[in-house]
Amino acid sequence: MERHFDTELDELKKRVIDMGTLAEGAIYKSVEALKSRNAELARGVIADDRDIDRLELLVDEKCIDLIARYQPMARDLRFITTGMKINAELERIADLAVDIAQRTLELVDKPLLKPLVDIPKLTVVAQNMIKWAIESFVKGDIELARKVVLSDPEANRLRDEIQRELIDDYMVKDGSTAPRAVQLLLIARFLERVCDHTTNIAENVIYMVQAEVVKHHPERLTDG
């Protein structure tokens, strides 16, 4: 019975990895659509979200089934409940990719407002944080989870820089740029929210591994 339970936990882990891969891929494709002004790619991100929604339901059902059948305790219970929480965060990340794709569709037939520099940088930060967060869950790696949480200020900095440039250098100086600038502002905000969701994942991993709540307590990340 115990061996079968371990096999099912491994299956749950695999499904969460699949969710992470799909969510990260959706973010990548949505920004690639923006960079290449590719409406078809953006529409593909929106269409593919149905597959991610279906997988989210499967993961939730798996977690509930494991709890009902095995009544796990302590670390195993934390693993399963963390899997459920991560699953929800990843589905929200995929929804944000859809939001980015929708904003991209508003921009593809308009002249490029400015060269895209900081949005791709913010995308790389977001993608790395997703990868690290999922890996920290799979390996139970506290240090990698901390790395995710401590990366969030860089995401905030890039978002703030994007906002400052678009508002001060474009919207204030030329009101006609506002419709395009607002779409880019929203995309930057969506990417920063992706990083917030990955931070939530990492904080849940830390709780899963050492039963310590670090949410709202960043000082605990640097305690020896």
C-alpha atoms as a PDB file:
ATOM      1  CA  MET A   1       0.000   0.000   0.000  1.00  0.00           C
ATOM      2  CA  GLU A   2       2.785   2.425   0.948  1.00  0.00           C
ATOM      3  CA  ARG A   3       4.659   1.732  -2.307  1.00  0.00           C
ATOM      4  CA  HIS A   4       1.484   2.366  -4.322  1.00  0.00           C
ATOM      5  CA  PHE A   5       0.958   5.643  -2.449  1.00  0.00           C
ATOM      6  CA  ASP A   6       4.497   6.737  -3.313  1.00  0.00           C
ATOM      7  CA  THR A   7       3.843   5.940  -6.960  1.00  0.00           C
ATOM      8  CA  GLU A   8       0.720   8.101  -6.889  1.00  0.00           C
ATOM      9  CA  LEU A   9       2.631  10.952  -5.246  1.00  0.00           C
ATOM     10  CA  ASP A  10       5.155  10.719  -8.082  1.00  0.00           C
ATOM     11  CA  GLU A  11       2.292  10.893 -10.565  1.00  0.00           C
ATOM     12  CA  LEU A  12       0.995  14.027  -8.845  1.00  0.00           C
ATOM     13  CA  LYS A  13       4.462  15.540  -8.988  1.00  0.00           C
ATOM     14  CA  LYS A  14       4.646  14.835 -12.730  1.00  0.00           C
ATOM     15  CA  ARG A  15       1.306  16.511 -13.358  1.00  0.00           C
ATOM     16  CA  VAL A  16       2.417  19.602 -11.459  1.00  0.00           C
ATOM     17  CA  ILE A  17       5.602  19.661 -13.557  1.00  0.00           C
ATOM     18  CA  ASP A  18       3.428  19.451 -16.681  1.00  0.00           C
ATOM     19  CA  MET A  19       1.360  22.389 -15.435  1.00  0.00           C
ATOM     20  CA  GLY A  20       4.517  24.395 -14.798  1.00  0.00           C
ATOM     21  CA  THR A  21       5.866  23.631 -18.266  1.00  0.00           C
ATOM     22  CA  LEU A  22       2.610  24.690 -19.913  1.00  0.00           C
ATOM     23  CA  ALA A  23       2.339  27.877 -17.849  1.00  0.00           C
ATOM     24  CA  GLU A  24       5.926  28.905 -18.525  1.00  0.00           C
ATOM     25  CA  GLY A  25       5.473  28.120 -22.218  1.00  0.00           C
ATOM     26  CA  ALA A  26       2.344  30.249 -22.365  1.00  0.00           C
ATOM     27  CA  ILE A  27       4.191  33.239 -20.882  1.00  0.00           C
ATOM     28  CA  TYR A  28       7.062  32.776 -23.331  1.00  0.00           C
ATOM     29  CA  LYS A  29       4.761  32.499 -26.346  1.00  0.00           C
ATOM     30  CA  SER A  30       2.646  35.479 -25.355  1.00  0.00           C
ATOM     31  CA  VAL A  31       5.691  37.770 -25.185  1.00  0.00           C
ATOM     32  CA  GLU A  32       7.199  36.258 -28.328  1.00  0.00           C
ATOM     33  CA  ALA A  33       3.917  37.145 -30.056  1.00  0.00           C
ATOM     34  CA  LEU A  34       4.349  40.709 -28.833  1.00  0.00           C
ATOM     35  CA  LYS A  35       7.980  40.907 -29.941  1.00  0.00           C
ATOM     36  CA  SER A  36       7.290  39.441 -33.395  1.00  0.00           C
ATOM     37  CA  ARG A  37       3.840  41.071 -33.709  1.00  0.00           C
ATOM     38  CA  ASN A  38       2.420  37.640 -34.443  1.00  0.00           C
ATOM     39  CA  ALA A  39      -1.354  37.569 -34.051  1.00  0.00           C
ATOM     40  CA  GLU A  40      -1.575  33.850 -34.815  1.00  0.00           C
ATOM     41  CA  LEU A  41       0.821  33.008 -31.988  1.00  0.00           C
ATOM     42  CA  ALA A  42      -1.143  35.217 -29.592  1.00  0.00           C
ATOM     43  CA  ARG A  43      -4.399  33.505 -30.553  1.00  0.00           C
ATOM     44  CA  GLY A  44      -2.712  30.146 -29.997  1.00  0.00           C
ATOM     45  CA  VAL A  45      -1.908  31.110 -26.401  1.00  0.00           C
ATOM     46  CA  ILE A  46      -5.570  31.962 -25.825  1.00  0.00           C
ATOM     47  CA  ALA A  47      -6.779  28.715 -27.406  1.00  0.00           C
ATOM     48  CA  ASP A  48      -4.274  26.526 -25.521  1.00  0.00           C
ATOM     49  CA  ASP A  49      -5.527  27.834 -22.177  1.00  0.00           C
ATOM     50  CA  ARG A  50      -8.355  25.288 -22.342  1.00  0.00           C
ATOM     51  CA  ASP A  51      -5.814  22.470 -22.066  1.00  0.00           C
ATOM     52  CA  ILE A  52      -4.257  24.091 -19.020  1.00  0.00           C
ATOM     53  CA  ASP A  53      -7.675  24.493 -17.395  1.00  0.00           C
ATOM     54  CA  ARG A  54      -8.401  20.805 -17.962  1.00  0.00           C
ATOM     55  CA  LEU A  55      -5.080  19.783 -16.429  1.00  0.00           C
ATOM     56  CA  GLU A  56      -5.733  22.025 -13.423  1.00  0.00           C
ATOM     57  CA  LEU A  57      -8.972  20.127 -12.755  1.00  0.00           C
ATOM     58  CA  LEU A  58      -7.186  16.781 -13.083  1.00  0.00           C
ATOM     59  CA  VAL A  59      -4.518  17.818 -10.576  1.00  0.00           C
ATOM     60  CA  ASP A  60      -7.115  19.032  -8.086  1.00  0.00           C
ATOM     61  CA  GLU A  61      -9.086  15.810  -8.441  1.00  0.00           C
ATOM     62  CA  LYS A  62      -5.905  13.788  -7.922  1.00  0.00           C
ATOM     63  CA  CYS A  63      -5.048  15.674  -4.731  1.00  0.00           C
ATOM     64  CA  ILE A  64      -8.538  15.272  -3.288  1.00  0.00           C
ATOM     65  CA  ASP A  65      -8.563  11.582  -4.194  1.00  0.00           C
ATOM     66  CA  LEU A  66      -5.199  10.989  -2.485  1.00  0.00           C
ATOM     67  CA  ILE A  67      -6.332  12.706   0.705  1.00  0.00           C
ATOM     68  CA  ALA A  68      -9.628  10.797   0.750  1.00  0.00           C
ATOM     69  CA  ARG A  69      -8.110   7.360   0.108  1.00  0.00           C
ATOM     70  CA  TYR A  70      -4.890   7.501   2.119  1.00  0.00           C
ATOM     71  CA  GLN A  71      -5.591  10.134   4.817  1.00  0.00           C
ATOM     72  CA  PRO A  72      -1.915  11.188   4.769  1.00  0.00           C
ATOM     73  CA  MET A  73      -0.278  12.884   7.706  1.00  0.00           C
ATOM     74  CA  ALA A  74       2.466  15.462   8.293  1.00  0.00           C
ATOM     75  CA  ARG A  75       4.899  15.834   5.372  1.00  0.00           C
ATOM     76  CA  ASP A  76       2.834  13.809   2.883  1.00  0.00           C
ATOM     77  CA  LEU A  77      -0.242  15.882   3.638  1.00  0.00           C
ATOM     78  CA  ARG A  78       1.762  19.092   3.233  1.00  0.00           C
ATOM     79  CA  PHE A  79       3.081  17.798  -0.098  1.00  0.00           C
ATOM     80  CA  ILE A  80      -0.411  17.131  -1.440  1.00  0.00           C
ATOM     81  CA  THR A  81      -1.929  20.381  -0.194  1.00  0.00           C
ATOM     82  CA  THR A  82       1.062  22.300  -1.540  1.00  0.00           C
ATOM     83  CA  GLY A  83       0.499  20.593  -4.883  1.00  0.00           C
ATOM     84  CA  MET A  84      -3.063  21.916  -4.886  1.00  0.00           C
ATOM     85  CA  LYS A  85      -1.931  25.437  -4.069  1.00  0.00           C
ATOM     86  CA  ILE A  86       0.805  25.385  -6.715  1.00  0.00           C
ATOM     87  CA  ASN A  87      -1.695  24.065  -9.240  1.00  0.00           C
ATOM     88  CA  ALA A  88      -3.946  27.075  -8.614  1.00  0.00           C
ATOM     89  CA  GLU A  89      -1.039  29.529  -8.870  1.00  0.00           C
ATOM     90  CA  LEU A  90       0.072  28.008 -12.189  1.00  0.00           C
ATOM     91  CA  GLU A  91      -3.439  28.245 -13.607  1.00  0.00           C
ATOM     92  CA  ARG A  92      -3.461  31.940 -12.704  1.00  0.00           C
ATOM     93  CA  ILE A  93      -0.072  32.365 -14.401  1.00  0.00           C
ATOM     94  CA  ALA A  94      -1.515  30.795 -17.547  1.00  0.00           C
ATOM     95  CA  ASP A  95      -4.472  33.190 -17.330  1.00  0.00           C
ATOM     96  CA  LEU A  96      -2.007  36.082 -17.208  1.00  0.00           C
ATOM     97  CA  ALA A  97      -0.387  34.740 -20.380  1.00  0.00           C
ATOM     98  CA  VAL A  98      -3.835  34.948 -21.982  1.00  0.00           C
ATOM     99  CA  ASP A  99      -4.134  38.543 -20.747  1.00  0.00           C
ATOM    100  CA  ILE A 100      -0.771  39.359 -22.354  1.00  0.00           C
ATOM    101  CA  ALA A 101      -1.847  37.693 -25.603  1.00  0.00           C
ATOM    102  CA  GLN A 102      -5.057  39.708 -25.649  1.00  0.00           C
ATOM    103  CA  ARG A 103      -3.148  42.957 -25.136  1.00  0.00           C
ATOM    104  CA  THR A 104      -0.763  41.875 -27.896  1.00  0.00           C
ATOM    105  CA  LEU A 105      -3.677  41.502 -30.293  1.00  0.00           C
ATOM    106  CA  GLU A 106      -4.508  45.147 -29.589  1.00  0.00           C
ATOM    107  CA  LEU A 107      -0.994  46.150 -30.685  1.00  0.00           C
ATOM    108  CA  VAL A 108      -0.038  43.951 -33.625  1.00  0.00           C
ATOM    109  CA  ASP A 109      -1.573  46.190 -36.294  1.00  0.00           C
ATOM    110  CA  LYS A 110      -0.236  49.439 -34.810  1.00  0.00           C
ATOM    111  CA  PRO A 111       3.218  51.033 -35.181  1.00  0.00           C
ATOM    112  CA  LEU A 112       5.700  49.936 -32.526  1.00  0.00           C
ATOM    113  CA  LEU A 113       5.780  52.604 -29.821  1.00  0.00           C
ATOM    114  CA  LYS A 114       9.336  51.865 -28.715  1.00  0.00           C
ATOM    115  CA  PRO A 115      11.935  49.107 -28.904  1.00  0.00           C
ATOM    116  CA  LEU A 116      11.082  46.359 -26.430  1.00  0.00           C
ATOM    117  CA  VAL A 117      13.934  46.138 -23.916  1.00  0.00           C
ATOM    118  CA  ASP A 118      12.725  45.847 -20.324  1.00  0.00           C
ATOM    119  CA  ILE A 119       9.597  43.777 -21.056  1.00  0.00           C
ATOM    120  CA  PRO A 120      11.730  40.911 -22.473  1.00  0.00           C
ATOM    121  CA  LYS A 121      14.034  41.255 -19.439  1.00  0.00           C
ATOM    122  CA  LEU A 122      11.060  41.011 -17.105  1.00  0.00           C
ATOM    123  CA  THR A 123       9.841  37.987 -19.059  1.00  0.00           C
ATOM    124  CA  VAL A 124      13.163  36.207 -18.508  1.00  0.00           C
ATOM    125  CA  VAL A 125      12.937  36.930 -14.768  1.00  0.00           C
ATOM    126  CA  ALA A 126       9.394  35.549 -14.713  1.00  0.00           C
ATOM    127  CA  GLN A 127      10.333  32.413 -16.664  1.00  0.00           C
ATOM    128  CA  ASN A 128      13.314  31.716 -14.426  1.00  0.00           C
ATOM    129  CA  MET A 129      11.205  32.166 -11.314  1.00  0.00           C
ATOM    130  CA  ILE A 130       8.631  29.686 -12.638  1.00  0.00           C
ATOM    131  CA  LYS A 131      11.347  27.127 -13.425  1.00  0.00           C
ATOM    132  CA  TRP A 132      13.022  27.542 -10.051  1.00  0.00           C
ATOM    133  CA  ALA A 133       9.716  27.427  -8.163  1.00  0.00           C
ATOM    134  CA  ILE A 134       8.656  24.158  -9.782  1.00  0.00           C
ATOM    135  CA  GLU A 135      12.110  22.649  -9.338  1.00  0.00           C
ATOM    136  CA  SER A 136      12.103  23.647  -5.677  1.00  0.00           C
ATOM    137  CA  PHE A 137       8.795  21.801  -5.253  1.00  0.00           C
ATOM    138  CA  VAL A 138      10.005  18.690  -7.069  1.00  0.00           C
ATOM    139  CA  LYS A 139      13.273  18.518  -5.133  1.00  0.00           C
ATOM    140  CA  GLY A 140      12.044  19.977  -1.852  1.00  0.00           C
ATOM    141  CA  ASP A 141      14.852  22.516  -2.253  1.00  0.00           C
ATOM    142  CA  ILE A 142      14.598  25.307   0.308  1.00  0.00           C
ATOM    143  CA  GLU A 143      17.505  27.324  -1.080  1.00  0.00           C
ATOM    144  CA  LEU A 144      16.006  27.366  -4.553  1.00  0.00           C
ATOM    145  CA  ALA A 145      12.664  28.435  -3.108  1.00  0.00           C
ATOM    146  CA  ARG A 146      14.415  31.279  -1.274  1.00  0.00           C
ATOM    147  CA  LYS A 147      16.083  32.278  -4.549  1.00  0.00           C
ATOM    148  CA  VAL A 148      12.632  32.660  -6.107  1.00  0.00           C
ATOM    149  CA  VAL A 149      11.317  34.849  -3.299  1.00  0.00           C
ATOM    150  CA  LEU A 150      14.446  37.015  -3.279  1.00  0.00           C
ATOM    151  CA  SER A 151      14.154  37.526  -7.063  1.00  0.00           C
ATOM    152  CA  ASP A 152      10.799  39.275  -6.760  1.00  0.00           C
ATOM    153  CA  PRO A 153      12.257  42.751  -6.003  1.00  0.00           C
ATOM    154  CA  GLU A 154      14.050  42.667  -9.381  1.00  0.00           C
ATOM    155  CA  ALA A 155      10.721  42.008 -11.072  1.00  0.00           C
ATOM    156  CA  ASN A 156       9.216  44.955  -9.221  1.00  0.00           C
ATOM    157  CA  ARG A 157      12.133  47.164 -10.254  1.00  0.00           C
ATOM    158  CA  LEU A 158      11.752  46.303 -13.925  1.00  0.00           C
ATOM    159  CA  ARG A 159       8.007  46.881 -13.808  1.00  0.00           C
ATOM    160  CA  ASP A 160       8.547  50.275 -12.180  1.00  0.00           C
ATOM    161  CA  GLU A 161      11.145  51.217 -14.794  1.00  0.00           C
ATOM    162  CA  ILE A 162       8.787  50.250 -17.620  1.00  0.00           C
ATOM    163  CA  GLN A 163       5.998  52.299 -16.065  1.00  0.00           C
ATOM    164  CA  ARG A 164       8.235  55.320 -15.524  1.00  0.00           C
ATOM    165  CA  GLU A 165       9.497  55.301 -19.098  1.00  0.00           C
ATOM    166  CA  LEU A 166       6.102  54.818 -20.712  1.00  0.00           C
ATOM    167  CA  ILE A 167       4.411  57.482 -18.614  1.00  0.00           C
ATOM    168  CA  ASP A 168       7.158  60.123 -18.395  1.00  0.00           C
ATOM    169  CA  ASP A 169       8.815  59.692 -21.793  1.00  0.00           C
ATOM    170  CA  TYR A 170       5.744  58.960 -23.897  1.00  0.00           C
ATOM    171  CA  MET A 171       2.293  59.568 -22.417  1.00  0.00           C
ATOM    172  CA  VAL A 172       3.132  62.879 -20.741  1.00  0.00           C
ATOM    173  CA  LYS A 173       5.004  64.216 -23.762  1.00  0.00           C
ATOM    174  CA  ASP A 174       2.588  62.983 -26.415  1.00  0.00           C
ATOM    175  CA  GLY A 175      -0.960  62.046 -25.444  1.00  0.00           C
ATOM    176  CA  SER A 176      -1.509  60.258 -28.757  1.00  0.00           C
ATOM    177  CA  THR A 177       0.801  57.467 -27.557  1.00  0.00           C
ATOM    178  CA  ALA A 178      -1.474  56.655 -24.604  1.00  0.00           C
ATOM    179  CA  PRO A 179      -3.511  53.813 -26.200  1.00  0.00           C
ATOM    180  CA  ARG A 180      -0.371  51.858 -27.118  1.00  0.00           C
ATOM    181  CA  ALA A 181       1.473  52.778 -23.924  1.00  0.00           C
ATOM    182  CA  VAL A 182      -1.414  51.571 -21.752  1.00  0.00           C
ATOM    183  CA  GLN A 183      -1.300  48.136 -23.404  1.00  0.00           C
ATOM    184  CA  LEU A 184       2.424  47.869 -22.645  1.00  0.00           C
ATOM    185  CA  LEU A 185       1.841  49.066 -19.084  1.00  0.00           C
ATOM    186  CA  LEU A 186      -0.708  46.308 -18.608  1.00  0.00           C
ATOM    187  CA  ILE A 187       1.654  43.693 -20.035  1.00  0.00           C
ATOM    188  CA  ALA A 188       4.372  44.772 -17.594  1.00  0.00           C
ATOM    189  CA  ARG A 189       1.881  44.582 -14.755  1.00  0.00           C
ATOM    190  CA  PHE A 190       0.786  41.086 -15.822  1.00  0.00           C
ATOM    191  CA  LEU A 191       4.395  39.880 -15.929  1.00  0.00           C
ATOM    192  CA  GLU A 192       5.064  41.273 -12.466  1.00  0.00           C
ATOM    193  CA  ARG A 193       1.969  39.454 -11.215  1.00  0.00           C
ATOM    194  CA  VAL A 194       3.378  36.239 -12.684  1.00  0.00           C
ATOM    195  CA  CYS A 195       6.394  36.778 -10.451  1.00  0.00           C
ATOM    196  CA  ASP A 196       4.091  37.323  -7.467  1.00  0.00           C
ATOM    197  CA  HIS A 197       2.430  33.969  -8.136  1.00  0.00           C
ATOM    198  CA  THR A 198       5.792  32.202  -8.372  1.00  0.00           C
ATOM    199  CA  THR A 199       6.756  33.803  -5.078  1.00  0.00           C
ATOM    200  CA  ASN A 200       3.609  32.317  -3.566  1.00  0.00           C
ATOM    201  CA  ILE A 201       4.648  28.910  -4.906  1.00  0.00           C
ATOM    202  CA  ALA A 202       8.099  29.217  -3.361  1.00  0.00           C
ATOM    203  CA  GLU A 203       6.681  30.289   0.001  1.00  0.00           C
ATOM    204  CA  ASN A 204       4.406  27.252  -0.057  1.00  0.00           C
ATOM    205  CA  VAL A 205       7.384  25.009  -0.821  1.00  0.00           C
ATOM    206  CA  ILE A 206       9.239  26.370   2.189  1.00  0.00           C
ATOM    207  CA  TYR A 207       6.215  25.567   4.347  1.00  0.00           C
ATOM    208  CA  MET A 208       5.949  22.099   2.782  1.00  0.00           C
ATOM    209  CA  VAL A 209       9.562  21.233   3.577  1.00  0.00           C
ATOM    210  CA  GLN A 210      10.053  22.741   7.023  1.00  0.00           C
ATOM    211  CA  ALA A 211       6.529  23.651   8.204  1.00  0.00           C
ATOM    212  CA  GLU A 212       7.568  27.301   8.489  1.00  0.00           C
ATOM    213  CA  VAL A 213       5.365  30.146   7.318  1.00  0.00           C
ATOM    214  CA  VAL A 214       7.466  32.830   5.580  1.00  0.00           C
ATOM    215  CA  LYS A 215       4.612  34.646   3.872  1.00  0.00           C
ATOM    216  CA  HIS A 216       4.535  38.219   5.195  1.00  0.00           C
ATOM    217  CA  HIS A 217       7.782  37.429   7.072  1.00  0.00           C
ATOM    218  CA  PRO A 218      10.635  38.070   4.597  1.00  0.00           C
ATOM    219  CA  GLU A 219      13.145  38.384   7.426  1.00  0.00           C
ATOM    220  CA  ARG A 220      12.850  34.627   7.955  1.00  0.00           C
ATOM    221  CA  LEU A 221      14.392  34.012   4.532  1.00  0.00           C
ATOM    222  CA  THR A 222      17.740  35.349   5.674  1.00  0.00           C
ATOM    223  CA  ASP A 223      17.781  33.873   9.150  1.00  0.00           C
ATOM    224  CA  GLY A 224      20.509  31.342   9.674  1.00  0.00           C
END
